[in-house]
Amino acid sequence: MNRLLIIVAGLLAFVLFNAFYTVGEAQQVILTQFGKPVGAPVTAAGLKMKVPFIQEVNRIDKRILEWDGSPSDMPTKDKLYISVDLFARWRIIDPLAYFLRLRDERSALSRLDDILGSETRNAVAKHELIEIVRTTKNRVPLKDPVLTETGDVADDNSAVGTLVPIHKGRVLVEQEIFKAAAEKVKVFGVELLDIRFKRINYNASVEPKIYERMISERRQIAERFRSEGNGEAARIRGNMTRDLNRIQSEAYRKVEETRGEGDAKAAEIYANAYNKTPAAADFYAFTRTMDAYQAILTPDTNLILSTDSEVFSLLKQTQGKTLTPTPLP
């Protein structure tokens, strides 16, 4: 008898154990009977009751869930292939629709991959790369003081220290993707809360070409600055040469004027000294003739003179005679 009671109590406990279940704060439950949902979804936490052995408890997460997509290559409007990595946050707001259409979180993530990937590709293809990379329309770029002082201006869209204007920016592109995808996931009982670009990078196949173009652009800017520097250096050297020539010319003129004034003064002194008496004048003529002899007669000089030459006449007068200088008064 006691053994029978133990068996009955055990069976009763087993039945009661299968008749009750608990729902956590972060859970919601769909009861299924022979694979089909029965009753309304259970969203309140606590101890609940079901038909034992017939009904089955299907727990569905009620928290905010994460979707992290894989990087995907896609083209922009300006035909640049980029790798886009996107992430999103979502939650289940209609457990019954979610259960009927998706059943589990793995299927939901797969469907989100398809929808968000497709909408991201459509949005990227409609915008240029600058619209996806930049965030704000009126951002003021940092400018190097050297570039600002030089006032270097190239094209309107490629000037040094300026940014290419944008019309939307990354935030609005994200909002476009969010609005389009949110409508499509509602039918699965899912609410899309937010999406963000995690990383945007150039495609590996075109990345070297992009870097080469960037290097080429920077080299052009460097060559422009180098050319402007060489032009400025040439201008400075030209001004320096002009000023130097002017200073040297003025100095040479001053020197020649001073030398001329000195020669004139010396000539005046000589004239005053040698013109006092005839003898002084003859002596001056004699000394000038001797200076001329000293200048033209050297050990290697062969001199041919005519008989009526003044130089020859003076030499002829000195033959067999001794010149005695006449004392000056």
Protein backbone atom coordinates (compact mmCIF):
# COMPACT_ATOMS: atom_id res chain seq x y z
CA MET A 1 0.00 0.00 0.00
CA ASN A 2 2.75 2.41 0.94
CA ARG A 3 4.58 1.51 -2.23
CA LEU A 4 1.51 2.32 -4.31
CA LEU A 5 1.14 5.68 -2.61
CA ILE A 6 4.77 6.50 -3.36
CA ILE A 7 4.25 5.64 -7.02
CA VAL A 8 1.05 7.72 -7.22
CA ALA A 9 2.76 10.65 -5.50
CA GLY A 10 5.67 10.37 -7.86
CA LEU A 11 3.40 10.37 -10.91
CA LEU A 12 1.44 13.32 -9.51
CA ALA A 13 4.65 15.27 -8.90
CA PHE A 14 5.84 14.49 -12.42
CA VAL A 15 2.52 15.71 -13.87
CA LEU A 16 2.61 18.88 -11.80
CA PHE A 17 6.24 19.47 -12.78
CA ASN A 18 5.24 19.38 -16.47
CA ALA A 19 2.14 21.51 -15.85
CA PHE A 20 4.05 24.51 -14.50
CA TYR A 21 6.79 26.60 -16.07
CA THR A 22 8.47 29.92 -15.32
CA VAL A 23 8.88 32.99 -17.53
CA GLY A 24 11.92 35.19 -16.88
CA GLU A 25 12.03 38.97 -17.03
CA ALA A 26 13.91 38.87 -20.33
CA GLN A 27 11.68 36.21 -21.90
CA GLN A 28 8.36 35.78 -23.62
CA VAL A 29 6.74 32.43 -24.33
CA ILE A 30 4.72 30.86 -27.12
CA LEU A 31 2.84 27.68 -26.18
CA THR A 32 2.50 25.14 -28.95
CA GLN A 33 0.28 22.09 -29.07
CA PHE A 34 1.34 19.45 -31.57
CA GLY A 35 3.57 22.06 -33.21
CA LYS A 36 0.91 24.78 -33.54
CA PRO A 37 0.73 27.91 -31.36
CA VAL A 38 -2.16 28.00 -28.90
CA GLY A 39 -3.37 30.97 -26.92
CA ALA A 40 -1.83 34.42 -26.70
CA PRO A 41 1.91 34.97 -26.19
CA VAL A 42 2.94 35.02 -22.52
CA THR A 43 4.94 38.19 -21.92
CA ALA A 44 4.59 38.66 -18.15
CA ALA A 45 7.23 37.15 -15.92
CA GLY A 46 6.27 34.58 -13.23
CA LEU A 47 5.06 31.05 -12.68
CA LYS A 48 2.68 29.87 -15.42
CA MET A 49 0.62 26.77 -16.11
CA LYS A 50 0.12 24.69 -19.23
CA VAL A 51 -1.38 21.39 -20.25
CA PRO A 52 1.22 18.82 -19.29
CA PHE A 53 2.80 16.58 -21.90
CA ILE A 54 0.72 18.12 -24.69
CA GLN A 55 1.74 21.74 -24.74
CA GLU A 56 5.37 22.77 -25.27
CA VAL A 57 7.06 26.00 -24.08
CA ASN A 58 8.94 28.03 -26.71
CA ARG A 59 10.99 30.80 -25.14
CA ILE A 60 11.71 33.96 -27.12
CA ASP A 61 14.17 36.64 -26.03
CA LYS A 62 12.63 39.97 -25.09
CA ARG A 63 15.86 41.96 -24.81
CA ILE A 64 17.54 44.21 -27.39
CA LEU A 65 19.55 41.95 -29.64
CA GLU A 66 22.63 42.56 -31.76
CA TRP A 67 23.15 42.03 -35.47
CA ASP A 68 26.70 42.36 -36.74
CA GLY A 69 27.01 41.91 -40.48
CA SER A 70 30.05 40.71 -42.36
CA PRO A 71 32.05 43.24 -44.44
CA SER A 72 30.68 43.37 -47.97
CA ASP A 73 32.14 44.91 -51.13
CA MET A 74 29.85 47.23 -53.06
CA PRO A 75 30.19 50.09 -55.59
CA THR A 76 29.37 53.74 -54.89
CA LYS A 77 27.72 56.15 -57.31
CA ASP A 78 31.14 57.41 -58.43
CA LYS A 79 32.19 53.82 -59.28
CA LEU A 80 34.51 53.26 -56.32
CA TYR A 81 34.37 49.80 -54.75
CA ILE A 82 34.35 49.93 -50.97
CA SER A 83 34.06 47.40 -48.18
CA VAL A 84 31.17 48.26 -45.82
CA ASP A 85 30.80 46.77 -42.34
CA LEU A 86 27.40 47.48 -40.73
CA PHE A 87 25.88 46.66 -37.35
CA ALA A 88 22.32 47.00 -36.01
CA ARG A 89 20.18 46.59 -32.88
CA TRP A 90 16.76 44.93 -32.95
CA ARG A 91 14.14 43.29 -30.74
CA ILE A 92 11.12 41.04 -31.04
CA ILE A 93 7.85 42.93 -30.55
CA ASP A 94 5.39 40.36 -31.98
CA PRO A 95 6.42 36.94 -30.66
CA LEU A 96 3.63 35.09 -32.50
CA ALA A 97 4.54 36.51 -35.93
CA TYR A 98 8.21 35.98 -35.14
CA PHE A 99 7.60 32.35 -34.18
CA LEU A 100 5.41 31.58 -37.20
CA ARG A 101 7.80 33.13 -39.73
CA LEU A 102 11.27 32.67 -38.26
CA ARG A 103 11.04 30.24 -35.33
CA ASP A 104 14.47 31.06 -33.85
CA GLU A 105 17.13 33.74 -33.58
CA ARG A 106 19.40 32.07 -36.12
CA SER A 107 16.75 32.39 -38.83
CA ALA A 108 16.11 35.99 -37.79
CA LEU A 109 19.80 36.92 -38.14
CA SER A 110 19.91 35.28 -41.54
CA ARG A 111 16.89 37.26 -42.72
CA LEU A 112 18.41 40.47 -41.32
CA ASP A 113 21.57 39.70 -43.30
CA ASP A 114 19.53 39.61 -46.50
CA ILE A 115 17.42 42.71 -45.82
CA LEU A 116 20.06 44.99 -44.34
CA GLY A 117 22.69 43.89 -46.84
CA SER A 118 20.34 44.62 -49.75
CA GLU A 119 19.26 48.03 -48.45
CA THR A 120 22.85 48.99 -47.67
CA ARG A 121 23.93 48.08 -51.18
CA ASN A 122 21.08 50.15 -52.67
CA ALA A 123 21.87 53.18 -50.50
CA VAL A 124 25.61 53.06 -51.20
CA ALA A 125 25.00 52.75 -54.94
CA LYS A 126 22.88 55.94 -54.88
CA HIS A 127 25.50 58.11 -53.16
CA GLU A 128 29.05 59.13 -53.82
CA LEU A 129 31.81 58.03 -51.51
CA ILE A 130 32.18 61.48 -49.92
CA GLU A 131 28.52 61.35 -48.81
CA ILE A 132 29.11 58.05 -47.01
CA VAL A 133 32.39 59.01 -45.36
CA ARG A 134 31.61 62.55 -44.24
CA THR A 135 29.17 63.14 -41.37
CA THR A 136 28.32 66.85 -41.32
CA LYS A 137 27.66 69.35 -44.08
CA ASN A 138 29.33 72.47 -42.73
CA ARG A 139 32.40 71.06 -40.99
CA VAL A 140 35.33 73.48 -41.06
CA PRO A 141 38.63 71.69 -41.84
CA LEU A 142 41.81 72.26 -39.93
CA LYS A 143 44.24 74.32 -42.01
CA ASP A 144 48.00 74.44 -41.77
CA PRO A 145 49.09 78.04 -41.14
CA VAL A 146 51.63 77.70 -43.95
CA LEU A 147 48.86 76.86 -46.43
CA THR A 148 46.70 79.70 -45.12
CA GLU A 149 49.47 82.28 -45.41
CA THR A 150 50.37 81.31 -48.96
CA GLY A 151 46.76 81.75 -50.06
CA ASP A 152 47.12 78.79 -52.39
CA VAL A 153 43.88 78.22 -54.26
CA ALA A 154 43.44 75.65 -56.99
CA ASP A 155 40.11 74.46 -58.33
CA ASP A 156 36.94 75.14 -56.34
CA ASN A 157 36.71 71.48 -55.37
CA SER A 158 40.42 70.72 -54.95
CA ALA A 159 41.79 73.78 -53.20
CA VAL A 160 44.30 73.15 -50.48
CA GLY A 161 42.66 73.33 -47.07
CA THR A 162 39.06 73.04 -48.32
CA LEU A 163 36.54 70.20 -48.24
CA VAL A 164 34.37 68.93 -51.05
CA PRO A 165 30.76 70.00 -50.29
CA ILE A 166 28.27 67.28 -49.37
CA HIS A 167 24.46 67.23 -49.55
CA LYS A 168 23.52 64.51 -47.06
CA GLY A 169 26.35 62.88 -45.18
CA ARG A 170 26.73 59.49 -43.52
CA VAL A 171 24.05 60.06 -40.86
CA LEU A 172 21.31 60.66 -43.43
CA VAL A 173 22.47 57.68 -45.49
CA GLU A 174 22.19 55.52 -42.37
CA GLN A 175 18.69 56.88 -41.80
CA GLU A 176 17.71 55.97 -45.35
CA ILE A 177 18.88 52.39 -44.81
CA PHE A 178 17.10 52.26 -41.44
CA LYS A 179 13.74 53.46 -42.82
CA ALA A 180 13.78 51.07 -45.76
CA ALA A 181 14.83 48.04 -43.69
CA ALA A 182 12.54 48.77 -40.72
CA GLU A 183 9.42 48.44 -42.89
CA LYS A 184 10.54 45.10 -44.26
CA VAL A 185 11.36 43.46 -40.92
CA LYS A 186 8.06 44.42 -39.29
CA VAL A 187 6.30 41.51 -41.01
CA PHE A 188 8.54 39.16 -39.02
CA GLY A 189 7.47 40.64 -35.70
CA VAL A 190 10.82 42.39 -35.38
CA GLU A 191 11.47 46.04 -34.59
CA LEU A 192 14.67 47.53 -35.98
CA LEU A 193 16.02 50.00 -33.40
CA ASP A 194 19.19 51.39 -34.96
CA ILE A 195 21.87 50.79 -37.56
CA ARG A 196 25.36 52.24 -37.91
CA PHE A 197 28.33 51.95 -40.23
CA LYS A 198 31.08 50.25 -38.26
CA ARG A 199 33.81 50.52 -40.87
CA ILE A 200 34.13 51.76 -44.44
CA ASN A 201 37.26 50.90 -46.34
CA TYR A 202 38.45 50.72 -49.91
CA ASN A 203 38.25 47.40 -51.69
CA ALA A 204 41.57 45.55 -51.48
CA SER A 205 41.88 45.44 -55.28
CA VAL A 206 41.55 49.20 -55.75
CA GLU A 207 43.23 50.32 -52.53
CA PRO A 208 46.76 50.53 -54.06
CA LYS A 209 45.42 52.69 -56.92
CA ILE A 210 43.68 54.99 -54.44
CA TYR A 211 46.88 55.39 -52.47
CA GLU A 212 48.83 56.05 -55.67
CA ARG A 213 46.35 58.76 -56.64
CA MET A 214 46.58 60.32 -53.19
CA ILE A 215 50.38 60.28 -53.38
CA SER A 216 50.23 61.81 -56.86
CA GLU A 217 47.94 64.60 -55.65
CA ARG A 218 50.22 65.35 -52.71
CA ARG A 219 53.21 65.40 -55.04
CA GLN A 220 51.44 67.88 -57.29
CA ILE A 221 50.78 70.10 -54.30
CA ALA A 222 54.41 69.74 -53.21
CA GLU A 223 55.63 70.58 -56.71
CA ARG A 224 53.40 73.63 -56.77
CA PHE A 225 54.82 74.84 -53.48
CA ARG A 226 58.33 74.00 -54.65
CA SER A 227 57.77 75.95 -57.87
CA GLU A 228 56.41 78.93 -55.94
CA GLY A 229 59.41 78.72 -53.60
CA ASN A 230 61.84 78.63 -56.51
CA GLY A 231 60.09 81.61 -58.08
CA GLU A 232 60.27 83.54 -54.82
CA ALA A 233 63.94 82.60 -54.43
CA ALA A 234 64.67 83.77 -57.99
CA ARG A 235 62.88 87.05 -57.28
CA ILE A 236 64.90 87.58 -54.10
CA ARG A 237 68.15 86.74 -55.88
CA GLY A 238 67.24 89.09 -58.71
CA ASN A 239 66.52 91.91 -56.29
CA MET A 240 69.77 91.17 -54.48
CA THR A 241 71.77 91.22 -57.73
CA ARG A 242 70.10 94.44 -58.81
CA ASP A 243 70.80 96.10 -55.47
CA LEU A 244 74.38 94.82 -55.50
CA ASN A 245 74.97 96.17 -59.01
CA ARG A 246 73.47 99.49 -58.02
CA ILE A 247 75.65 99.72 -54.92
CA GLN A 248 78.76 98.73 -56.88
CA SER A 249 77.92 101.19 -59.63
CA GLU A 250 77.42 104.00 -57.16
CA ALA A 251 80.63 103.06 -55.36
CA TYR A 252 82.58 102.88 -58.66
CA ARG A 253 81.20 106.26 -59.67
CA LYS A 254 82.21 107.68 -56.31
CA VAL A 255 85.68 106.18 -56.63
CA GLU A 256 86.14 107.52 -60.14
CA GLU A 257 84.93 110.94 -59.11
CA THR A 258 87.36 110.94 -56.19
CA ARG A 259 90.20 109.68 -58.41
CA GLY A 260 89.38 112.31 -61.01
CA GLU A 261 89.33 115.02 -58.41
CA GLY A 262 92.68 113.75 -57.07
CA ASP A 263 94.24 113.62 -60.53
CA ALA A 264 92.96 117.10 -61.27
CA LYS A 265 94.36 118.37 -57.99
CA ALA A 266 97.70 116.65 -58.65
CA ALA A 267 97.83 118.06 -62.17
CA GLU A 268 97.06 121.46 -60.77
CA ILE A 269 99.87 121.11 -58.23
CA TYR A 270 102.28 119.87 -60.91
CA ALA A 271 101.28 122.67 -63.22
CA ASN A 272 101.78 125.27 -60.53
CA ALA A 273 105.15 123.77 -59.62
CA TYR A 274 106.56 123.35 -63.14
CA ASN A 275 105.21 126.52 -64.68
CA LYS A 276 106.90 128.90 -62.28
CA THR A 277 110.07 129.18 -64.48
CA PRO A 278 111.15 127.99 -67.96
CA ALA A 279 113.79 125.78 -66.38
CA ALA A 280 111.14 124.04 -64.28
CA ALA A 281 109.05 123.46 -67.39
CA ASP A 282 112.06 121.98 -69.23
CA PHE A 283 112.78 119.76 -66.27
CA TYR A 284 109.16 118.55 -66.23
CA ALA A 285 109.33 117.72 -69.92
CA PHE A 286 112.59 115.90 -69.31
CA THR A 287 111.17 113.79 -66.46
CA ARG A 288 108.08 112.89 -68.49
CA THR A 289 110.35 111.83 -71.36
CA MET A 290 112.36 109.64 -68.99
CA ASP A 291 109.14 108.06 -67.73
CA ALA A 292 108.21 107.34 -71.33
CA TYR A 293 111.63 105.76 -71.97
CA GLN A 294 111.21 103.59 -68.88
CA ALA A 295 107.81 102.46 -70.05
CA ILE A 296 108.76 101.59 -73.64
CA LEU A 297 112.38 100.52 -73.33
CA THR A 298 112.98 97.07 -71.85
CA PRO A 299 115.91 94.64 -72.26
CA ASP A 300 113.98 92.82 -75.02
CA THR A 301 112.87 95.93 -76.90
CA ASN A 302 114.15 96.67 -80.43
CA LEU A 303 113.45 100.32 -81.08
CA ILE A 304 113.48 101.81 -84.59
CA LEU A 305 113.27 105.60 -84.67
CA SER A 306 113.37 108.18 -87.40
CA THR A 307 115.99 110.91 -87.28
CA ASP A 308 113.41 113.60 -86.76
CA SER A 309 111.77 111.82 -83.79
CA GLU A 310 111.68 113.75 -80.53
CA VAL A 311 112.81 110.68 -78.65
CA PHE A 312 115.75 110.21 -81.04
CA SER A 313 116.73 113.84 -80.79
CA LEU A 314 116.95 113.59 -77.01
CA LEU A 315 119.05 110.47 -77.24
CA LYS A 316 121.27 112.15 -79.82
CA GLN A 317 121.80 115.13 -77.53
CA THR A 318 123.02 112.87 -74.74
CA GLN A 319 125.78 111.30 -76.85
CA GLY A 320 129.19 112.39 -75.46
CA LYS A 321 127.53 114.87 -73.10
CA THR A 322 126.86 114.88 -69.46
CA LEU A 323 123.53 116.24 -68.43
CA THR A 324 123.77 118.60 -65.55
CA PRO A 325 120.47 119.48 -63.97
CA THR A 326 119.67 123.10 -63.69
CA PRO A 327 118.83 124.00 -60.13
CA LEU A 328 115.30 125.17 -59.55
CA PRO A 329 114.88 128.65 -58.13
